[in-house]
Amino acid sequence: MASKHDKNDLMSVLDEWEPSPDDTGLASRGASLLNYAAERKPGAPISWPMLTKKILGISKMPNADTKIVLDMRRRASQIRLVLERDYKRGLENIPGLGVYATFSDDNFAKTTLSRASIRHERSGRNLIEKRALVDPKKMKDKKMKAWVENDLSSVLTSHNDRLLKMLLPPSEEKDEGEGGGKGGSKK
């Protein structure tokens, strides 16, 4: 065997990554590493122990149940926010294997966007169901009654109008790198 790793395997790709001086926090470094991996090994999950090892720059692989790995896992939401903001990517979890950054618009739509759509539908249905439990005719508080009858309805209408505008096809003037999850690197 000529080398420790095949130059195209995930370990070799992760060994090539170096954090940028701009990556000042752990979430930023995690997002940077996941973005790097998504560009070179799309969809390959990285275990939390491996992610922790690379982000912290430690030489020995930590066990999955150690405090430093659990602390890193708790940063998943922060890493997700940085991935979306700086790289236009989502964070996907494959239970038992690890996480990866979305690698294309198709992948982002199939995973992150579809889950957001389902959550939005459930939330809207929940609000409508809760509203149906209130009979404004039986309400004594005039301010709350007005809110239920008028303001709540206008909030729903306004929200749905804004959502519809967001879902319209993008204009021709947008750059290809905008949206969904492929590229759009901050570097």
N, C-alpha and C. Protein backbone atom coordinates (compact mmCIF):
# COMPACT_ATOMS: atom_id res chain seq x y z
N MET A 1 0.85 -1.18 0.00
CA MET A 1 0.00 0.00 0.00
C MET A 1 0.90 1.24 0.00
N ALA A 2 0.71 2.08 -1.01
CA ALA A 2 1.59 3.23 -1.19
C ALA A 2 1.28 4.37 -0.23
N SER A 3 -0.02 4.57 0.07
CA SER A 3 -0.35 5.67 0.97
C SER A 3 -1.35 5.22 2.02
N LYS A 4 -1.47 6.01 3.07
CA LYS A 4 -2.36 5.69 4.17
C LYS A 4 -3.82 5.69 3.71
N HIS A 5 -4.18 6.65 2.83
CA HIS A 5 -5.54 6.79 2.34
C HIS A 5 -5.50 6.98 0.83
N ASP A 6 -6.56 6.52 0.17
CA ASP A 6 -6.77 6.85 -1.24
C ASP A 6 -7.01 8.35 -1.28
N LYS A 7 -6.42 9.03 -2.26
CA LYS A 7 -6.52 10.49 -2.28
C LYS A 7 -7.94 10.99 -2.48
N ASN A 8 -8.85 10.12 -2.88
CA ASN A 8 -10.23 10.52 -3.09
C ASN A 8 -11.17 10.10 -1.96
N ASP A 9 -10.65 9.40 -0.95
CA ASP A 9 -11.55 9.00 0.13
C ASP A 9 -11.80 10.18 1.06
N LEU A 10 -12.85 10.04 1.86
CA LEU A 10 -13.28 11.13 2.73
C LEU A 10 -12.18 11.56 3.71
N MET A 11 -11.48 10.62 4.28
CA MET A 11 -10.42 10.96 5.24
C MET A 11 -9.37 11.85 4.60
N SER A 12 -8.97 11.52 3.37
CA SER A 12 -7.97 12.34 2.68
C SER A 12 -8.49 13.73 2.39
N VAL A 13 -9.76 13.79 1.99
CA VAL A 13 -10.37 15.10 1.72
C VAL A 13 -10.37 15.94 3.00
N LEU A 14 -10.77 15.33 4.11
CA LEU A 14 -10.81 16.08 5.38
C LEU A 14 -9.41 16.47 5.83
N ASP A 15 -8.42 15.64 5.55
CA ASP A 15 -7.04 15.97 5.91
C ASP A 15 -6.53 17.19 5.14
N GLU A 16 -7.08 17.44 3.96
CA GLU A 16 -6.66 18.60 3.15
C GLU A 16 -7.25 19.91 3.64
N TRP A 17 -8.36 19.84 4.39
CA TRP A 17 -9.05 21.06 4.84
C TRP A 17 -8.21 21.81 5.87
N GLU A 18 -8.16 23.11 5.70
CA GLU A 18 -7.55 23.99 6.69
C GLU A 18 -8.50 25.14 6.96
N PRO A 19 -8.73 25.44 8.22
CA PRO A 19 -9.66 26.54 8.52
C PRO A 19 -9.10 27.87 8.05
N SER A 20 -10.00 28.71 7.61
CA SER A 20 -9.63 30.06 7.19
C SER A 20 -9.48 30.94 8.44
N PRO A 21 -8.67 31.98 8.36
CA PRO A 21 -8.59 32.92 9.49
C PRO A 21 -9.94 33.58 9.77
N ASP A 22 -10.85 33.58 8.76
CA ASP A 22 -12.19 34.14 8.95
C ASP A 22 -13.08 33.24 9.80
N ASP A 23 -12.72 31.97 9.91
CA ASP A 23 -13.51 31.00 10.67
C ASP A 23 -13.11 31.10 12.14
N THR A 24 -13.74 32.05 12.84
CA THR A 24 -13.29 32.35 14.20
C THR A 24 -13.95 31.48 15.27
N GLY A 25 -15.15 31.00 15.05
CA GLY A 25 -15.81 30.19 16.07
C GLY A 25 -15.91 28.74 15.64
N LEU A 26 -16.31 27.89 16.57
CA LEU A 26 -16.44 26.47 16.27
C LEU A 26 -17.52 26.21 15.23
N ALA A 27 -18.64 26.93 15.31
CA ALA A 27 -19.70 26.76 14.32
C ALA A 27 -19.22 27.18 12.94
N SER A 28 -18.48 28.25 12.87
CA SER A 28 -17.94 28.72 11.60
C SER A 28 -16.95 27.71 11.02
N ARG A 29 -16.11 27.17 11.88
CA ARG A 29 -15.15 26.16 11.41
C ARG A 29 -15.87 24.88 10.96
N GLY A 30 -16.90 24.49 11.71
CA GLY A 30 -17.68 23.31 11.33
C GLY A 30 -18.36 23.50 9.99
N ALA A 31 -18.94 24.67 9.78
CA ALA A 31 -19.60 24.95 8.50
C ALA A 31 -18.58 24.97 7.37
N SER A 32 -17.42 25.55 7.62
CA SER A 32 -16.36 25.59 6.62
C SER A 32 -15.92 24.18 6.22
N LEU A 33 -15.73 23.32 7.21
CA LEU A 33 -15.32 21.94 6.94
C LEU A 33 -16.40 21.20 6.16
N LEU A 34 -17.65 21.34 6.57
CA LEU A 34 -18.74 20.65 5.88
C LEU A 34 -18.92 21.17 4.46
N ASN A 35 -18.73 22.47 4.25
CA ASN A 35 -18.80 23.03 2.91
C ASN A 35 -17.68 22.45 2.04
N TYR A 36 -16.48 22.40 2.59
CA TYR A 36 -15.32 21.84 1.88
C TYR A 36 -15.59 20.40 1.47
N ALA A 37 -16.12 19.61 2.39
CA ALA A 37 -16.43 18.21 2.12
C ALA A 37 -17.54 18.09 1.07
N ALA A 38 -18.54 18.98 1.12
CA ALA A 38 -19.64 18.93 0.15
C ALA A 38 -19.14 19.22 -1.27
N GLU A 39 -18.12 20.05 -1.39
CA GLU A 39 -17.57 20.36 -2.71
C GLU A 39 -16.75 19.20 -3.26
N ARG A 40 -16.16 18.40 -2.37
CA ARG A 40 -15.24 17.34 -2.82
C ARG A 40 -15.80 15.93 -2.71
N LYS A 41 -16.66 15.69 -1.73
CA LYS A 41 -17.29 14.37 -1.53
C LYS A 41 -18.78 14.59 -1.21
N PRO A 42 -19.55 15.03 -2.19
CA PRO A 42 -20.97 15.36 -1.94
C PRO A 42 -21.75 14.21 -1.31
N GLY A 43 -22.47 14.53 -0.26
CA GLY A 43 -23.33 13.55 0.40
C GLY A 43 -22.65 12.57 1.32
N ALA A 44 -21.33 12.64 1.44
CA ALA A 44 -20.61 11.72 2.32
C ALA A 44 -20.77 12.18 3.77
N PRO A 45 -21.38 11.35 4.62
CA PRO A 45 -21.56 11.77 6.01
C PRO A 45 -20.24 11.76 6.79
N ILE A 46 -20.11 12.75 7.64
CA ILE A 46 -18.93 12.86 8.51
C ILE A 46 -19.42 12.63 9.94
N SER A 47 -18.81 11.68 10.61
CA SER A 47 -19.23 11.37 11.99
C SER A 47 -18.92 12.56 12.89
N TRP A 48 -19.69 12.67 13.97
CA TRP A 48 -19.44 13.75 14.93
C TRP A 48 -18.06 13.65 15.57
N PRO A 49 -17.58 12.45 15.89
CA PRO A 49 -16.21 12.39 16.41
C PRO A 49 -15.18 12.92 15.40
N MET A 50 -15.33 12.56 14.12
CA MET A 50 -14.40 13.04 13.10
C MET A 50 -14.52 14.55 12.93
N LEU A 51 -15.74 15.05 12.88
CA LEU A 51 -15.96 16.49 12.75
C LEU A 51 -15.30 17.23 13.92
N THR A 52 -15.49 16.70 15.12
CA THR A 52 -14.90 17.30 16.32
C THR A 52 -13.38 17.29 16.24
N LYS A 53 -12.82 16.17 15.85
CA LYS A 53 -11.36 16.03 15.74
C LYS A 53 -10.79 17.07 14.77
N LYS A 54 -11.42 17.21 13.61
CA LYS A 54 -10.90 18.13 12.59
C LYS A 54 -11.09 19.60 13.00
N ILE A 55 -12.25 19.91 13.56
CA ILE A 55 -12.54 21.31 13.95
C ILE A 55 -11.63 21.76 15.08
N LEU A 56 -11.41 20.88 16.05
CA LEU A 56 -10.58 21.25 17.20
C LEU A 56 -9.09 21.06 16.92
N GLY A 57 -8.78 20.34 15.83
CA GLY A 57 -7.39 20.10 15.49
C GLY A 57 -6.67 19.18 16.45
N ILE A 58 -7.39 18.22 17.00
CA ILE A 58 -6.77 17.28 17.93
C ILE A 58 -6.28 16.05 17.15
N SER A 59 -5.28 15.40 17.67
CA SER A 59 -4.67 14.29 16.93
C SER A 59 -5.40 12.97 17.11
N LYS A 60 -5.98 12.73 18.26
CA LYS A 60 -6.62 11.44 18.52
C LYS A 60 -8.13 11.56 18.31
N MET A 61 -8.70 10.54 17.69
CA MET A 61 -10.15 10.51 17.46
C MET A 61 -10.88 10.34 18.79
N PRO A 62 -11.77 11.29 19.15
CA PRO A 62 -12.51 11.15 20.41
C PRO A 62 -13.64 10.13 20.25
N ASN A 63 -14.06 9.54 21.35
CA ASN A 63 -15.20 8.63 21.33
C ASN A 63 -16.48 9.44 21.19
N ALA A 64 -17.49 8.80 20.60
CA ALA A 64 -18.75 9.49 20.33
C ALA A 64 -19.45 9.99 21.59
N ASP A 65 -19.24 9.34 22.72
CA ASP A 65 -19.94 9.73 23.94
C ASP A 65 -19.13 10.64 24.86
N THR A 66 -18.01 11.17 24.38
CA THR A 66 -17.21 12.08 25.21
C THR A 66 -17.83 13.48 25.23
N LYS A 67 -17.48 14.22 26.26
CA LYS A 67 -18.03 15.56 26.44
C LYS A 67 -17.75 16.46 25.24
N ILE A 68 -16.54 16.41 24.67
CA ILE A 68 -16.23 17.33 23.55
C ILE A 68 -17.07 17.01 22.31
N VAL A 69 -17.36 15.75 22.08
CA VAL A 69 -18.20 15.39 20.92
C VAL A 69 -19.65 15.78 21.19
N LEU A 70 -20.12 15.53 22.39
CA LEU A 70 -21.49 15.92 22.73
C LEU A 70 -21.65 17.44 22.66
N ASP A 71 -20.65 18.18 23.11
CA ASP A 71 -20.68 19.64 23.00
C ASP A 71 -20.73 20.08 21.54
N MET A 72 -19.98 19.40 20.68
CA MET A 72 -19.99 19.74 19.26
C MET A 72 -21.37 19.45 18.65
N ARG A 73 -21.95 18.34 19.03
CA ARG A 73 -23.29 17.98 18.51
C ARG A 73 -24.32 19.03 18.91
N ARG A 74 -24.14 19.61 20.10
CA ARG A 74 -25.07 20.65 20.56
C ARG A 74 -24.94 21.93 19.73
N ARG A 75 -23.87 22.04 18.99
CA ARG A 75 -23.66 23.20 18.13
C ARG A 75 -24.26 23.00 16.73
N ALA A 76 -24.96 21.91 16.52
CA ALA A 76 -25.51 21.62 15.19
C ALA A 76 -26.39 22.76 14.67
N SER A 77 -27.22 23.34 15.52
CA SER A 77 -28.08 24.44 15.08
C SER A 77 -27.27 25.64 14.64
N GLN A 78 -26.20 25.95 15.39
CA GLN A 78 -25.33 27.07 15.01
C GLN A 78 -24.61 26.78 13.70
N ILE A 79 -24.14 25.56 13.54
CA ILE A 79 -23.46 25.17 12.30
C ILE A 79 -24.44 25.29 11.13
N ARG A 80 -25.67 24.84 11.35
CA ARG A 80 -26.70 24.93 10.31
C ARG A 80 -26.92 26.38 9.88
N LEU A 81 -27.01 27.27 10.86
CA LEU A 81 -27.23 28.69 10.54
C LEU A 81 -26.07 29.26 9.72
N VAL A 82 -24.84 28.93 10.09
CA VAL A 82 -23.68 29.42 9.34
C VAL A 82 -23.65 28.83 7.93
N LEU A 83 -23.97 27.54 7.83
CA LEU A 83 -24.01 26.91 6.50
C LEU A 83 -25.02 27.61 5.60
N GLU A 84 -26.21 27.90 6.12
CA GLU A 84 -27.23 28.56 5.32
C GLU A 84 -26.83 30.00 4.98
N ARG A 85 -26.34 30.72 5.96
CA ARG A 85 -26.00 32.13 5.75
C ARG A 85 -24.79 32.31 4.84
N ASP A 86 -23.72 31.57 5.10
CA ASP A 86 -22.47 31.81 4.39
C ASP A 86 -22.27 30.96 3.14
N TYR A 87 -22.88 29.79 3.12
CA TYR A 87 -22.61 28.86 2.02
C TYR A 87 -23.85 28.45 1.23
N LYS A 88 -25.02 28.91 1.68
CA LYS A 88 -26.29 28.55 1.03
C LYS A 88 -26.48 27.03 0.98
N ARG A 89 -26.19 26.38 2.09
CA ARG A 89 -26.32 24.93 2.21
C ARG A 89 -27.12 24.59 3.47
N GLY A 90 -27.71 23.41 3.46
CA GLY A 90 -28.39 22.89 4.64
C GLY A 90 -27.48 21.90 5.36
N LEU A 91 -27.87 21.52 6.55
CA LEU A 91 -27.15 20.51 7.32
C LEU A 91 -28.05 19.30 7.43
N GLU A 92 -27.58 18.17 6.95
CA GLU A 92 -28.35 16.93 6.97
C GLU A 92 -27.73 15.93 7.92
N ASN A 93 -28.59 15.26 8.67
CA ASN A 93 -28.15 14.25 9.62
C ASN A 93 -28.55 12.87 9.09
N ILE A 94 -27.61 11.96 9.10
CA ILE A 94 -27.90 10.56 8.78
C ILE A 94 -27.66 9.80 10.08
N PRO A 95 -28.75 9.43 10.77
CA PRO A 95 -28.60 8.80 12.09
C PRO A 95 -27.64 7.61 12.06
N GLY A 96 -26.73 7.62 13.01
CA GLY A 96 -25.76 6.54 13.15
C GLY A 96 -24.52 6.71 12.28
N LEU A 97 -24.56 7.61 11.30
CA LEU A 97 -23.42 7.81 10.41
C LEU A 97 -22.76 9.17 10.56
N GLY A 98 -23.56 10.22 10.66
CA GLY A 98 -22.99 11.56 10.78
C GLY A 98 -23.82 12.60 10.05
N VAL A 99 -23.17 13.68 9.67
CA VAL A 99 -23.84 14.80 9.02
C VAL A 99 -23.10 15.17 7.74
N TYR A 100 -23.81 15.87 6.87
CA TYR A 100 -23.19 16.42 5.67
C TYR A 100 -23.89 17.72 5.30
N ALA A 101 -23.22 18.56 4.53
CA ALA A 101 -23.82 19.79 4.02
C ALA A 101 -24.48 19.45 2.69
N THR A 102 -25.66 20.00 2.46
CA THR A 102 -26.32 19.75 1.18
C THR A 102 -25.39 20.18 0.05
N PHE A 103 -25.47 19.49 -1.07
CA PHE A 103 -24.47 19.67 -2.12
C PHE A 103 -25.04 20.16 -3.45
N SER A 104 -26.35 20.33 -3.56
CA SER A 104 -26.94 20.84 -4.79
C SER A 104 -28.31 21.41 -4.48
N ASP A 105 -28.85 22.14 -5.42
CA ASP A 105 -30.21 22.66 -5.23
C ASP A 105 -31.20 21.52 -5.09
N ASP A 106 -31.03 20.46 -5.89
CA ASP A 106 -31.92 19.30 -5.80
C ASP A 106 -31.85 18.67 -4.41
N ASN A 107 -30.64 18.48 -3.91
CA ASN A 107 -30.45 17.88 -2.60
C ASN A 107 -31.06 18.76 -1.50
N PHE A 108 -30.85 20.07 -1.59
CA PHE A 108 -31.40 21.02 -0.62
C PHE A 108 -32.92 20.96 -0.64
N ALA A 109 -33.51 20.95 -1.85
CA ALA A 109 -34.97 20.93 -1.97
C ALA A 109 -35.55 19.62 -1.43
N LYS A 110 -34.87 18.52 -1.73
CA LYS A 110 -35.36 17.20 -1.32
C LYS A 110 -35.30 17.03 0.19
N THR A 111 -34.37 17.66 0.85
CA THR A 111 -34.16 17.45 2.28
C THR A 111 -34.64 18.65 3.09
N THR A 112 -33.87 19.69 3.12
CA THR A 112 -34.11 20.85 3.98
C THR A 112 -35.40 21.57 3.64
N LEU A 113 -35.60 21.88 2.37
CA LEU A 113 -36.78 22.64 1.96
C LEU A 113 -38.07 21.83 2.13
N SER A 114 -38.03 20.55 1.81
CA SER A 114 -39.26 19.75 1.96
C SER A 114 -39.65 19.64 3.44
N ARG A 115 -38.67 19.50 4.34
CA ARG A 115 -38.99 19.45 5.78
C ARG A 115 -39.55 20.79 6.25
N ALA A 116 -39.00 21.89 5.77
CA ALA A 116 -39.50 23.21 6.16
C ALA A 116 -40.94 23.40 5.67
N SER A 117 -41.24 22.90 4.49
CA SER A 117 -42.58 22.99 3.94
C SER A 117 -43.58 22.19 4.79
N ILE A 118 -43.18 21.01 5.19
CA ILE A 118 -44.05 20.17 6.03
C ILE A 118 -44.29 20.84 7.39
N ARG A 119 -43.23 21.41 7.97
CA ARG A 119 -43.38 22.11 9.26
C ARG A 119 -44.32 23.29 9.12
N HIS A 120 -44.18 24.04 8.02
CA HIS A 120 -45.03 25.21 7.80
C HIS A 120 -46.50 24.78 7.66
N GLU A 121 -46.73 23.72 6.91
CA GLU A 121 -48.10 23.24 6.72
C GLU A 121 -48.70 22.83 8.06
N ARG A 122 -47.95 22.07 8.85
CA ARG A 122 -48.45 21.63 10.16
C ARG A 122 -48.72 22.82 11.09
N SER A 123 -47.82 23.79 11.07
CA SER A 123 -47.97 24.97 11.92
C SER A 123 -49.22 25.76 11.53
N GLY A 124 -49.41 25.95 10.23
CA GLY A 124 -50.59 26.67 9.75
C GLY A 124 -51.87 25.94 10.11
N ARG A 125 -51.88 24.62 9.93
CA ARG A 125 -53.05 23.80 10.27
C ARG A 125 -53.32 23.90 11.77
N ASN A 126 -52.26 23.87 12.59
CA ASN A 126 -52.40 23.97 14.05
C ASN A 126 -53.02 25.31 14.44
N LEU A 127 -52.57 26.39 13.82
CA LEU A 127 -53.12 27.71 14.13
C LEU A 127 -54.60 27.78 13.75
N ILE A 128 -54.96 27.25 12.60
CA ILE A 128 -56.35 27.27 12.17
C ILE A 128 -57.21 26.43 13.12
N GLU A 129 -56.70 25.27 13.53
CA GLU A 129 -57.44 24.42 14.46
C GLU A 129 -57.64 25.12 15.80
N LYS A 130 -56.60 25.82 16.29
CA LYS A 130 -56.72 26.53 17.57
C LYS A 130 -57.71 27.67 17.45
N ARG A 131 -57.68 28.37 16.31
CA ARG A 131 -58.61 29.48 16.10
C ARG A 131 -60.06 28.97 16.10
N ALA A 132 -60.27 27.78 15.56
CA ALA A 132 -61.62 27.21 15.49
C ALA A 132 -62.18 26.88 16.88
N LEU A 133 -61.32 26.75 17.87
CA LEU A 133 -61.76 26.45 19.23
C LEU A 133 -62.31 27.68 19.96
N VAL A 134 -62.09 28.85 19.40
CA VAL A 134 -62.51 30.09 20.04
C VAL A 134 -63.76 30.63 19.34
N ASP A 135 -64.81 30.86 20.14
CA ASP A 135 -66.04 31.45 19.60
C ASP A 135 -66.04 32.93 20.01
N PRO A 136 -65.75 33.83 19.07
CA PRO A 136 -65.70 35.26 19.41
C PRO A 136 -67.00 35.79 20.01
N LYS A 137 -68.12 35.18 19.69
CA LYS A 137 -69.41 35.64 20.23
C LYS A 137 -69.47 35.45 21.75
N LYS A 138 -68.70 34.52 22.28
CA LYS A 138 -68.69 34.25 23.71
C LYS A 138 -67.59 35.01 24.45
N MET A 139 -66.81 35.78 23.72
CA MET A 139 -65.67 36.49 24.34
C MET A 139 -66.14 37.77 25.02
N LYS A 140 -65.60 38.05 26.20
CA LYS A 140 -65.93 39.25 26.96
C LYS A 140 -64.89 40.35 26.76
N ASP A 141 -63.63 39.94 26.57
CA ASP A 141 -62.53 40.90 26.37
C ASP A 141 -62.62 41.45 24.95
N LYS A 142 -63.00 42.73 24.86
CA LYS A 142 -63.25 43.33 23.53
C LYS A 142 -61.98 43.43 22.68
N LYS A 143 -60.85 43.69 23.32
CA LYS A 143 -59.59 43.77 22.56
C LYS A 143 -59.22 42.41 21.97
N MET A 144 -59.33 41.38 22.80
CA MET A 144 -59.00 40.03 22.31
C MET A 144 -59.99 39.58 21.24
N LYS A 145 -61.25 39.94 21.42
CA LYS A 145 -62.27 39.57 20.43
C LYS A 145 -61.94 40.22 19.09
N ALA A 146 -61.58 41.50 19.13
CA ALA A 146 -61.22 42.21 17.89
C ALA A 146 -59.97 41.58 17.26
N TRP A 147 -59.04 41.20 18.12
CA TRP A 147 -57.82 40.57 17.58
C TRP A 147 -58.16 39.24 16.90
N VAL A 148 -58.98 38.42 17.55
CA VAL A 148 -59.36 37.12 16.98
C VAL A 148 -60.13 37.31 15.68
N GLU A 149 -61.08 38.23 15.68
CA GLU A 149 -61.94 38.42 14.50
C GLU A 149 -61.22 39.14 13.36
N ASN A 150 -60.35 40.09 13.67
CA ASN A 150 -59.77 40.93 12.62
C ASN A 150 -58.27 40.73 12.45
N ASP A 151 -57.53 40.99 13.52
CA ASP A 151 -56.07 40.99 13.40
C ASP A 151 -55.51 39.61 13.07
N LEU A 152 -56.01 38.57 13.71
CA LEU A 152 -55.51 37.23 13.45
C LEU A 152 -55.76 36.84 12.00
N SER A 153 -56.93 37.17 11.49
CA SER A 153 -57.24 36.87 10.08
C SER A 153 -56.31 37.64 9.14
N SER A 154 -56.04 38.90 9.47
CA SER A 154 -55.15 39.68 8.60
C SER A 154 -53.71 39.18 8.69
N VAL A 155 -53.31 38.69 9.86
CA VAL A 155 -51.97 38.10 9.99
C VAL A 155 -51.85 36.88 9.09
N LEU A 156 -52.84 36.01 9.13
CA LEU A 156 -52.82 34.82 8.28
C LEU A 156 -52.81 35.18 6.80
N THR A 157 -53.64 36.13 6.41
CA THR A 157 -53.70 36.55 5.01
C THR A 157 -52.38 37.17 4.58
N SER A 158 -51.85 38.07 5.40
CA SER A 158 -50.59 38.73 5.08
C SER A 158 -49.45 37.72 4.96
N HIS A 159 -49.40 36.79 5.91
CA HIS A 159 -48.35 35.76 5.88
C HIS A 159 -48.47 34.92 4.62
N ASN A 160 -49.67 34.50 4.28
CA ASN A 160 -49.86 33.68 3.08
C ASN A 160 -49.51 34.46 1.81
N ASP A 161 -49.82 35.76 1.76
CA ASP A 161 -49.47 36.58 0.61
C ASP A 161 -47.95 36.69 0.45
N ARG A 162 -47.24 36.91 1.57
CA ARG A 162 -45.77 37.00 1.52
C ARG A 162 -45.18 35.67 1.11
N LEU A 163 -45.72 34.58 1.63
CA LEU A 163 -45.23 33.25 1.29
C LEU A 163 -45.43 32.98 -0.20
N LEU A 164 -46.58 33.34 -0.73
CA LEU A 164 -46.85 33.13 -2.15
C LEU A 164 -45.85 33.90 -3.02
N LYS A 165 -45.54 35.14 -2.64
CA LYS A 165 -44.56 35.93 -3.40
C LYS A 165 -43.19 35.27 -3.36
N MET A 166 -42.82 34.71 -2.21
CA MET A 166 -41.51 34.06 -2.08
C MET A 166 -41.44 32.79 -2.93
N LEU A 167 -42.56 32.14 -3.15
CA LEU A 167 -42.57 30.89 -3.87
C LEU A 167 -42.67 31.07 -5.39
N LEU A 168 -42.87 32.30 -5.84
CA LEU A 168 -42.90 32.55 -7.28
C LEU A 168 -41.53 32.26 -7.87
N PRO A 169 -41.47 31.86 -9.14
CA PRO A 169 -40.16 31.57 -9.75
C PRO A 169 -39.24 32.78 -9.66
N PRO A 170 -37.93 32.55 -9.47
CA PRO A 170 -36.99 33.67 -9.36
C PRO A 170 -36.87 34.41 -10.69
N SER A 171 -36.54 35.68 -10.60
CA SER A 171 -36.38 36.47 -11.82
C SER A 171 -35.13 36.03 -12.56
N GLU A 172 -35.06 36.35 -13.82
CA GLU A 172 -33.93 35.98 -14.68
C GLU A 172 -32.64 36.65 -14.23
N GLU A 173 -32.76 37.74 -13.46
CA GLU A 173 -31.59 38.54 -13.10
C GLU A 173 -30.76 37.95 -11.98
N LYS A 174 -31.28 36.95 -11.26
CA LYS A 174 -30.54 36.37 -10.14
C LYS A 174 -29.31 35.62 -10.62
N ASP A 175 -28.26 35.65 -9.80
CA ASP A 175 -27.06 34.86 -10.09
C ASP A 175 -27.37 33.40 -9.89
N GLU A 176 -26.68 32.53 -10.61
CA GLU A 176 -26.89 31.10 -10.47
C GLU A 176 -26.55 30.61 -9.08
N GLY A 177 -25.60 31.24 -8.40
CA GLY A 177 -25.16 30.79 -7.09
C GLY A 177 -26.15 31.07 -5.98
N GLU A 178 -27.18 31.90 -6.23
CA GLU A 178 -28.14 32.23 -5.19
C GLU A 178 -29.12 31.10 -4.98
N GLY A 179 -29.59 30.99 -3.74
CA GLY A 179 -30.61 29.99 -3.44
C GLY A 179 -30.02 28.64 -3.15
N GLY A 180 -30.80 27.77 -2.84
CA GLY A 180 -30.73 26.37 -2.63
C GLY A 180 -29.57 25.62 -2.12
N GLY A 181 -28.36 25.86 -2.39
CA GLY A 181 -27.40 25.06 -1.71
C GLY A 181 -26.22 24.57 -2.48
N LYS A 182 -25.87 25.13 -3.57
CA LYS A 182 -24.67 24.63 -4.25
C LYS A 182 -23.68 25.77 -4.40
N GLY A 183 -22.61 25.72 -3.76
CA GLY A 183 -21.59 26.74 -3.94
C GLY A 183 -21.87 27.94 -3.09
N GLY A 184 -21.88 29.13 -3.69
CA GLY A 184 -22.16 30.35 -2.98
C GLY A 184 -21.23 30.56 -1.80
N SER A 185 -20.01 30.13 -1.91
CA SER A 185 -19.05 30.21 -0.81
C SER A 185 -18.75 31.65 -0.44
N LYS A 186 -18.45 31.87 0.81
CA LYS A 186 -18.10 33.22 1.26
C LYS A 186 -16.69 33.60 0.88
N LYS A 187 -15.92 32.63 0.44
CA LYS A 187 -14.51 32.88 0.16
C LYS A 187 -14.31 33.27 -1.27
